[in-house]
Amino acid sequence: MYRFLIVIEKAHDNYSAYSPDLPGCVATGKTRDQATRNMYEAMELHVRGLLEDKLPIPKSRSFAEYVAIPSAAQ
């Protein structure tokens, strides 16, 4: 099993997704859930293609965190 971080961003009328560990692997969707599903499928195809071409699967090295910054105005 491979695990990769995906980043989902709200665009104007849709959502886009990408994985920092799989350059060039991107997806979009009208909703966040649709973008996530489309990204899952894109990642499956991407990894399958790498395996078929006998290329190495990148190691997952990315992570995400939220950082809370106190508001200055109070």
PDB file of N, CA and C in Angstrom:
ATOM      1  N   MET A   1       0.845  -1.174   0.000  1.00  0.00           N
ATOM      2  CA  MET A   1       0.000   0.000   0.000  1.00  0.00           C
ATOM      3  C   MET A   1       0.893   1.240   0.000  1.00  0.00           C
ATOM      4  N   TYR A   2       0.479   2.215  -0.767  1.00  0.00           N
ATOM      5  CA  TYR A   2       1.170   3.504  -0.826  1.00  0.00           C
ATOM      6  C   TYR A   2       0.256   4.558  -0.230  1.00  0.00           C
ATOM      7  N   ARG A   3       0.846   5.500   0.502  1.00  0.00           N
ATOM      8  CA  ARG A   3       0.083   6.611   1.075  1.00  0.00           C
ATOM      9  C   ARG A   3       0.747   7.908   0.658  1.00  0.00           C
ATOM     10  N   PHE A   4      -0.065   8.839   0.166  1.00  0.00           N
ATOM     11  CA  PHE A   4       0.442  10.130  -0.265  1.00  0.00           C
ATOM     12  C   PHE A   4      -0.481  11.233   0.235  1.00  0.00           C
ATOM     13  N   LEU A   5       0.118  12.325   0.643  1.00  0.00           N
ATOM     14  CA  LEU A   5      -0.639  13.511   1.013  1.00  0.00           C
ATOM     15  C   LEU A   5      -1.229  14.130  -0.246  1.00  0.00           C
ATOM     16  N   ILE A   6      -2.471  14.585  -0.153  1.00  0.00           N
ATOM     17  CA  ILE A   6      -3.022  15.395  -1.241  1.00  0.00           C
ATOM     18  C   ILE A   6      -3.411  16.750  -0.666  1.00  0.00           C
ATOM     19  N   VAL A   7      -3.283  17.766  -1.494  1.00  0.00           N
ATOM     20  CA  VAL A   7      -3.669  19.127  -1.142  1.00  0.00           C
ATOM     21  C   VAL A   7      -4.861  19.480  -2.018  1.00  0.00           C
ATOM     22  N   ILE A   8      -5.923  19.951  -1.389  1.00  0.00           N
ATOM     23  CA  ILE A   8      -7.128  20.339  -2.121  1.00  0.00           C
ATOM     24  C   ILE A   8      -7.310  21.835  -1.928  1.00  0.00           C
ATOM     25  N   GLU A   9      -7.471  22.533  -3.038  1.00  0.00           N
ATOM     26  CA  GLU A   9      -7.633  23.987  -2.990  1.00  0.00           C
ATOM     27  C   GLU A   9      -8.943  24.389  -3.648  1.00  0.00           C
ATOM     28  N   LYS A  10      -9.615  25.359  -3.057  1.00  0.00           N
ATOM     29  CA  LYS A  10     -10.836  25.901  -3.646  1.00  0.00           C
ATOM     30  C   LYS A  10     -10.446  26.871  -4.741  1.00  0.00           C
ATOM     31  N   ALA A  11     -10.950  26.637  -5.929  1.00  0.00           N
ATOM     32  CA  ALA A  11     -10.756  27.566  -7.043  1.00  0.00           C
ATOM     33  C   ALA A  11     -12.041  28.400  -7.163  1.00  0.00           C
ATOM     34  N   HIS A  12     -12.179  29.101  -8.259  1.00  0.00           N
ATOM     35  CA  HIS A  12     -13.352  29.970  -8.425  1.00  0.00           C
ATOM     36  C   HIS A  12     -14.652  29.167  -8.401  1.00  0.00           C
ATOM     37  N   ASP A  13     -14.798  28.220  -9.327  1.00  0.00           N
ATOM     38  CA  ASP A  13     -16.038  27.445  -9.445  1.00  0.00           C
ATOM     39  C   ASP A  13     -15.852  25.957  -9.173  1.00  0.00           C
ATOM     40  N   ASN A  14     -14.675  25.545  -8.727  1.00  0.00           N
ATOM     41  CA  ASN A  14     -14.439  24.129  -8.498  1.00  0.00           C
ATOM     42  C   ASN A  14     -13.320  23.950  -7.480  1.00  0.00           C
ATOM     43  N   TYR A  15     -12.851  22.739  -7.358  1.00  0.00           N
ATOM     44  CA  TYR A  15     -11.732  22.412  -6.471  1.00  0.00           C
ATOM     45  C   TYR A  15     -10.639  21.757  -7.302  1.00  0.00           C
ATOM     46  N   SER A  16      -9.403  21.969  -6.908  1.00  0.00           N
ATOM     47  CA  SER A  16      -8.286  21.292  -7.564  1.00  0.00           C
ATOM     48  C   SER A  16      -7.492  20.565  -6.490  1.00  0.00           C
ATOM     49  N   ALA A  17      -6.830  19.495  -6.904  1.00  0.00           N
ATOM     50  CA  ALA A  17      -6.055  18.684  -5.968  1.00  0.00           C
ATOM     51  C   ALA A  17      -4.741  18.281  -6.610  1.00  0.00           C
ATOM     52  N   TYR A  18      -3.720  18.124  -5.767  1.00  0.00           N
ATOM     53  CA  TYR A  18      -2.428  17.636  -6.236  1.00  0.00           C
ATOM     54  C   TYR A  18      -1.722  16.958  -5.077  1.00  0.00           C
ATOM     55  N   SER A  19      -0.697  16.198  -5.404  1.00  0.00           N
ATOM     56  CA  SER A  19       0.125  15.563  -4.382  1.00  0.00           C
ATOM     57  C   SER A  19       1.551  16.068  -4.533  1.00  0.00           C
ATOM     58  N   PRO A  20       2.120  16.676  -3.491  1.00  0.00           N
ATOM     59  CA  PRO A  20       3.499  17.161  -3.584  1.00  0.00           C
ATOM     60  C   PRO A  20       4.506  16.048  -3.873  1.00  0.00           C
ATOM     61  N   ASP A  21       4.159  14.809  -3.512  1.00  0.00           N
ATOM     62  CA  ASP A  21       5.076  13.687  -3.708  1.00  0.00           C
ATOM     63  C   ASP A  21       4.928  13.006  -5.068  1.00  0.00           C
ATOM     64  N   LEU A  22       3.915  13.381  -5.829  1.00  0.00           N
ATOM     65  CA  LEU A  22       3.699  12.819  -7.169  1.00  0.00           C
ATOM     66  C   LEU A  22       3.593  13.970  -8.168  1.00  0.00           C
ATOM     67  N   PRO A  23       4.711  14.577  -8.522  1.00  0.00           N
ATOM     68  CA  PRO A  23       4.678  15.716  -9.444  1.00  0.00           C
ATOM     69  C   PRO A  23       3.925  15.394 -10.731  1.00  0.00           C
ATOM     70  N   GLY A  24       3.069  16.322 -11.128  1.00  0.00           N
ATOM     71  CA  GLY A  24       2.309  16.156 -12.368  1.00  0.00           C
ATOM     72  C   GLY A  24       1.000  15.422 -12.193  1.00  0.00           C
ATOM     73  N   CYS A  25       0.764  14.877 -11.026  1.00  0.00           N
ATOM     74  CA  CYS A  25      -0.481  14.148 -10.770  1.00  0.00           C
ATOM     75  C   CYS A  25      -1.467  15.130 -10.144  1.00  0.00           C
ATOM     76  N   VAL A  26      -2.484  15.505 -10.915  1.00  0.00           N
ATOM     77  CA  VAL A  26      -3.458  16.507 -10.478  1.00  0.00           C
ATOM     78  C   VAL A  26      -4.868  16.062 -10.844  1.00  0.00           C
ATOM     79  N   ALA A  27      -5.849  16.671 -10.202  1.00  0.00           N
ATOM     80  CA  ALA A  27      -7.248  16.386 -10.515  1.00  0.00           C
ATOM     81  C   ALA A  27      -8.090  17.592 -10.122  1.00  0.00           C
ATOM     82  N   THR A  28      -9.285  17.644 -10.657  1.00  0.00           N
ATOM     83  CA  THR A  28     -10.235  18.701 -10.298  1.00  0.00           C
ATOM     84  C   THR A  28     -11.605  18.075 -10.062  1.00  0.00           C
ATOM     85  N   GLY A  29     -12.496  18.854  -9.502  1.00  0.00           N
ATOM     86  CA  GLY A  29     -13.866  18.397  -9.306  1.00  0.00           C
ATOM     87  C   GLY A  29     -14.751  19.563  -8.937  1.00  0.00           C
ATOM     88  N   LYS A  30     -16.031  19.423  -9.215  1.00  0.00           N
ATOM     89  CA  LYS A  30     -16.992  20.481  -8.903  1.00  0.00           C
ATOM     90  C   LYS A  30     -17.136  20.657  -7.394  1.00  0.00           C
ATOM     91  N   THR A  31     -16.999  19.557  -6.654  1.00  0.00           N
ATOM     92  CA  THR A  31     -17.069  19.603  -5.195  1.00  0.00           C
ATOM     93  C   THR A  31     -15.750  19.088  -4.621  1.00  0.00           C
ATOM     94  N   ARG A  32     -15.568  19.317  -3.322  1.00  0.00           N
ATOM     95  CA  ARG A  32     -14.359  18.819  -2.662  1.00  0.00           C
ATOM     96  C   ARG A  32     -14.309  17.287  -2.704  1.00  0.00           C
ATOM     97  N   ASP A  33     -15.447  16.644  -2.451  1.00  0.00           N
ATOM     98  CA  ASP A  33     -15.496  15.179  -2.496  1.00  0.00           C
ATOM     99  C   ASP A  33     -15.178  14.652  -3.889  1.00  0.00           C
ATOM    100  N   GLN A  34     -15.701  15.311  -4.910  1.00  0.00           N
ATOM    101  CA  GLN A  34     -15.431  14.877  -6.282  1.00  0.00           C
ATOM    102  C   GLN A  34     -13.961  15.055  -6.625  1.00  0.00           C
ATOM    103  N   ALA A  35     -13.358  16.152  -6.194  1.00  0.00           N
ATOM    104  CA  ALA A  35     -11.928  16.363  -6.435  1.00  0.00           C
ATOM    105  C   ALA A  35     -11.098  15.290  -5.724  1.00  0.00           C
ATOM    106  N   THR A  36     -11.502  14.926  -4.516  1.00  0.00           N
ATOM    107  CA  THR A  36     -10.796  13.878  -3.773  1.00  0.00           C
ATOM    108  C   THR A  36     -10.905  12.542  -4.495  1.00  0.00           C
ATOM    109  N   ARG A  37     -12.114  12.184  -4.937  1.00  0.00           N
ATOM    110  CA  ARG A  37     -12.298  10.921  -5.677  1.00  0.00           C
ATOM    111  C   ARG A  37     -11.494  10.925  -6.972  1.00  0.00           C
ATOM    112  N   ASN A  38     -11.535  12.035  -7.690  1.00  0.00           N
ATOM    113  CA  ASN A  38     -10.793  12.125  -8.950  1.00  0.00           C
ATOM    114  C   ASN A  38      -9.286  12.041  -8.706  1.00  0.00           C
ATOM    115  N   MET A  39      -8.832  12.620  -7.603  1.00  0.00           N
ATOM    116  CA  MET A  39      -7.408  12.562  -7.279  1.00  0.00           C
ATOM    117  C   MET A  39      -7.003  11.139  -6.930  1.00  0.00           C
ATOM    118  N   TYR A  40      -7.842  10.435  -6.208  1.00  0.00           N
ATOM    119  CA  TYR A  40      -7.574   9.029  -5.886  1.00  0.00           C
ATOM    120  C   TYR A  40      -7.384   8.220  -7.173  1.00  0.00           C
ATOM    121  N   GLU A  41      -8.290   8.402  -8.118  1.00  0.00           N
ATOM    122  CA  GLU A  41      -8.192   7.692  -9.397  1.00  0.00           C
ATOM    123  C   GLU A  41      -6.936   8.098 -10.161  1.00  0.00           C
ATOM    124  N   ALA A  42      -6.623   9.392 -10.162  1.00  0.00           N
ATOM    125  CA  ALA A  42      -5.423   9.875 -10.858  1.00  0.00           C
ATOM    126  C   ALA A  42      -4.165   9.278 -10.230  1.00  0.00           C
ATOM    127  N   MET A  43      -4.138   9.190  -8.906  1.00  0.00           N
ATOM    128  CA  MET A  43      -2.979   8.638  -8.219  1.00  0.00           C
ATOM    129  C   MET A  43      -2.839   7.141  -8.499  1.00  0.00           C
ATOM    130  N   GLU A  44      -3.957   6.435  -8.525  1.00  0.00           N
ATOM    131  CA  GLU A  44      -3.914   5.001  -8.874  1.00  0.00           C
ATOM    132  C   GLU A  44      -3.307   4.802 -10.259  1.00  0.00           C
ATOM    133  N   LEU A  45      -3.774   5.571 -11.223  1.00  0.00           N
ATOM    134  CA  LEU A  45      -3.256   5.464 -12.592  1.00  0.00           C
ATOM    135  C   LEU A  45      -1.783   5.856 -12.649  1.00  0.00           C
ATOM    136  N   HIS A  46      -1.426   6.888 -11.929  1.00  0.00           N
ATOM    137  CA  HIS A  46      -0.037   7.371 -11.914  1.00  0.00           C
ATOM    138  C   HIS A  46       0.903   6.293 -11.363  1.00  0.00           C
ATOM    139  N   VAL A  47       0.540   5.723 -10.219  1.00  0.00           N
ATOM    140  CA  VAL A  47       1.381   4.690  -9.604  1.00  0.00           C
ATOM    141  C   VAL A  47       1.407   3.442 -10.480  1.00  0.00           C
ATOM    142  N   ARG A  48       0.275   3.059 -11.030  1.00  0.00           N
ATOM    143  CA  ARG A  48       0.228   1.894 -11.927  1.00  0.00           C
ATOM    144  C   ARG A  48       1.154   2.102 -13.119  1.00  0.00           C
ATOM    145  N   GLY A  49       1.149   3.309 -13.686  1.00  0.00           N
ATOM    146  CA  GLY A  49       2.026   3.617 -14.811  1.00  0.00           C
ATOM    147  C   GLY A  49       3.497   3.530 -14.435  1.00  0.00           C
ATOM    148  N   LEU A  50       3.836   4.041 -13.250  1.00  0.00           N
ATOM    149  CA  LEU A  50       5.223   3.947 -12.789  1.00  0.00           C
ATOM    150  C   LEU A  50       5.641   2.487 -12.640  1.00  0.00           C
ATOM    151  N   LEU A  51       4.757   1.663 -12.059  1.00  0.00           N
ATOM    152  CA  LEU A  51       5.065   0.249 -11.889  1.00  0.00           C
ATOM    153  C   LEU A  51       5.238  -0.449 -13.235  1.00  0.00           C
ATOM    154  N   GLU A  52       4.333  -0.174 -14.172  1.00  0.00           N
ATOM    155  CA  GLU A  52       4.421  -0.793 -15.505  1.00  0.00           C
ATOM    156  C   GLU A  52       5.702  -0.390 -16.226  1.00  0.00           C
ATOM    157  N   ASP A  53       6.129   0.852 -16.026  1.00  0.00           N
ATOM    158  CA  ASP A  53       7.360   1.327 -16.665  1.00  0.00           C
ATOM    159  C   ASP A  53       8.610   0.977 -15.852  1.00  0.00           C
ATOM    160  N   LYS A  54       8.391   0.223 -14.764  1.00  0.00           N
ATOM    161  CA  LYS A  54       9.496  -0.187 -13.889  1.00  0.00           C
ATOM    162  C   LYS A  54      10.284   1.005 -13.339  1.00  0.00           C
ATOM    163  N   LEU A  55       9.554   2.062 -13.012  1.00  0.00           N
ATOM    164  CA  LEU A  55      10.149   3.254 -12.415  1.00  0.00           C
ATOM    165  C   LEU A  55       9.882   3.234 -10.910  1.00  0.00           C
ATOM    166  N   PRO A  56      10.735   3.869 -10.136  1.00  0.00           N
ATOM    167  CA  PRO A  56      10.530   3.847  -8.683  1.00  0.00           C
ATOM    168  C   PRO A  56       9.300   4.651  -8.266  1.00  0.00           C
ATOM    169  N   ILE A  57       8.644   4.169  -7.231  1.00  0.00           N
ATOM    170  CA  ILE A  57       7.518   4.895  -6.646  1.00  0.00           C
ATOM    171  C   ILE A  57       8.118   5.874  -5.630  1.00  0.00           C
ATOM    172  N   PRO A  58       7.826   7.164  -5.773  1.00  0.00           N
ATOM    173  CA  PRO A  58       8.391   8.134  -4.821  1.00  0.00           C
ATOM    174  C   PRO A  58       7.961   7.823  -3.389  1.00  0.00           C
ATOM    175  N   LYS A  59       8.832   8.091  -2.454  1.00  0.00           N
ATOM    176  CA  LYS A  59       8.473   7.944  -1.042  1.00  0.00           C
ATOM    177  C   LYS A  59       7.649   9.153  -0.626  1.00  0.00           C
ATOM    178  N   SER A  60       6.677   8.895   0.202  1.00  0.00           N
ATOM    179  CA  SER A  60       5.856   9.977   0.723  1.00  0.00           C
ATOM    180  C   SER A  60       6.656  10.726   1.781  1.00  0.00           C
ATOM    181  N   ARG A  61       6.951  11.970   1.509  1.00  0.00           N
ATOM    182  CA  ARG A  61       7.756  12.774   2.427  1.00  0.00           C
ATOM    183  C   ARG A  61       7.033  14.033   2.890  1.00  0.00           C
ATOM    184  N   SER A  62       5.886  14.294   2.308  1.00  0.00           N
ATOM    185  CA  SER A  62       5.144  15.513   2.638  1.00  0.00           C
ATOM    186  C   SER A  62       4.229  15.290   3.833  1.00  0.00           C
ATOM    187  N   PHE A  63       3.945  16.354   4.551  1.00  0.00           N
ATOM    188  CA  PHE A  63       2.981  16.330   5.630  1.00  0.00           C
ATOM    189  C   PHE A  63       2.363  17.714   5.722  1.00  0.00           C
ATOM    190  N   ALA A  64       1.287  17.809   6.452  1.00  0.00           N
ATOM    191  CA  ALA A  64       0.590  19.091   6.582  1.00  0.00           C
ATOM    192  C   ALA A  64       0.240  19.331   8.040  1.00  0.00           C
ATOM    193  N   GLU A  65       0.226  20.589   8.420  1.00  0.00           N
ATOM    194  CA  GLU A  65      -0.181  20.983   9.755  1.00  0.00           C
ATOM    195  C   GLU A  65      -0.878  22.334   9.657  1.00  0.00           C
ATOM    196  N   TYR A  66      -1.804  22.549  10.537  1.00  0.00           N
ATOM    197  CA  TYR A  66      -2.380  23.884  10.697  1.00  0.00           C
ATOM    198  C   TYR A  66      -1.608  24.589  11.794  1.00  0.00           C
ATOM    199  N   VAL A  67      -1.363  25.859  11.614  1.00  0.00           N
ATOM    200  CA  VAL A  67      -0.687  26.680  12.613  1.00  0.00           C
ATOM    201  C   VAL A  67      -1.626  27.797  13.014  1.00  0.00           C
ATOM    202  N   ALA A  68      -1.888  27.929  14.297  1.00  0.00           N
ATOM    203  CA  ALA A  68      -2.783  28.976  14.795  1.00  0.00           C
ATOM    204  C   ALA A  68      -1.978  30.214  15.138  1.00  0.00           C
ATOM    205  N   ILE A  69      -2.378  31.336  14.599  1.00  0.00           N
ATOM    206  CA  ILE A  69      -1.752  32.628  14.865  1.00  0.00           C
ATOM    207  C   ILE A  69      -2.775  33.487  15.588  1.00  0.00           C
ATOM    208  N   PRO A  70      -2.473  33.970  16.786  1.00  0.00           N
ATOM    209  CA  PRO A  70      -3.440  34.798  17.488  1.00  0.00           C
ATOM    210  C   PRO A  70      -3.717  36.099  16.729  1.00  0.00           C
ATOM    211  N   SER A  71      -4.963  36.528  16.773  1.00  0.00           N
ATOM    212  CA  SER A  71      -5.287  37.784  16.099  1.00  0.00           C
ATOM    213  C   SER A  71      -4.667  38.946  16.875  1.00  0.00           C
ATOM    214  N   ALA A  72      -4.227  39.956  16.157  1.00  0.00           N
ATOM    215  CA  ALA A  72      -3.563  41.100  16.789  1.00  0.00           C
ATOM    216  C   ALA A  72      -4.573  42.114  17.320  1.00  0.00           C
ATOM    217  N   ALA A  73      -5.753  42.141  16.733  1.00  0.00           N
ATOM    218  CA  ALA A  73      -6.740  43.155  17.129  1.00  0.00           C
ATOM    219  C   ALA A  73      -7.718  42.568  18.139  1.00  0.00           C
ATOM    220  N   GLN A  74      -7.621  43.048  19.398  1.00  0.00           N
ATOM    221  CA  GLN A  74      -8.587  42.631  20.416  1.00  0.00           C
ATOM    222  C   GLN A  74      -8.734  43.675  21.457  1.00  0.00           C
TER     223      GLN A  74
END
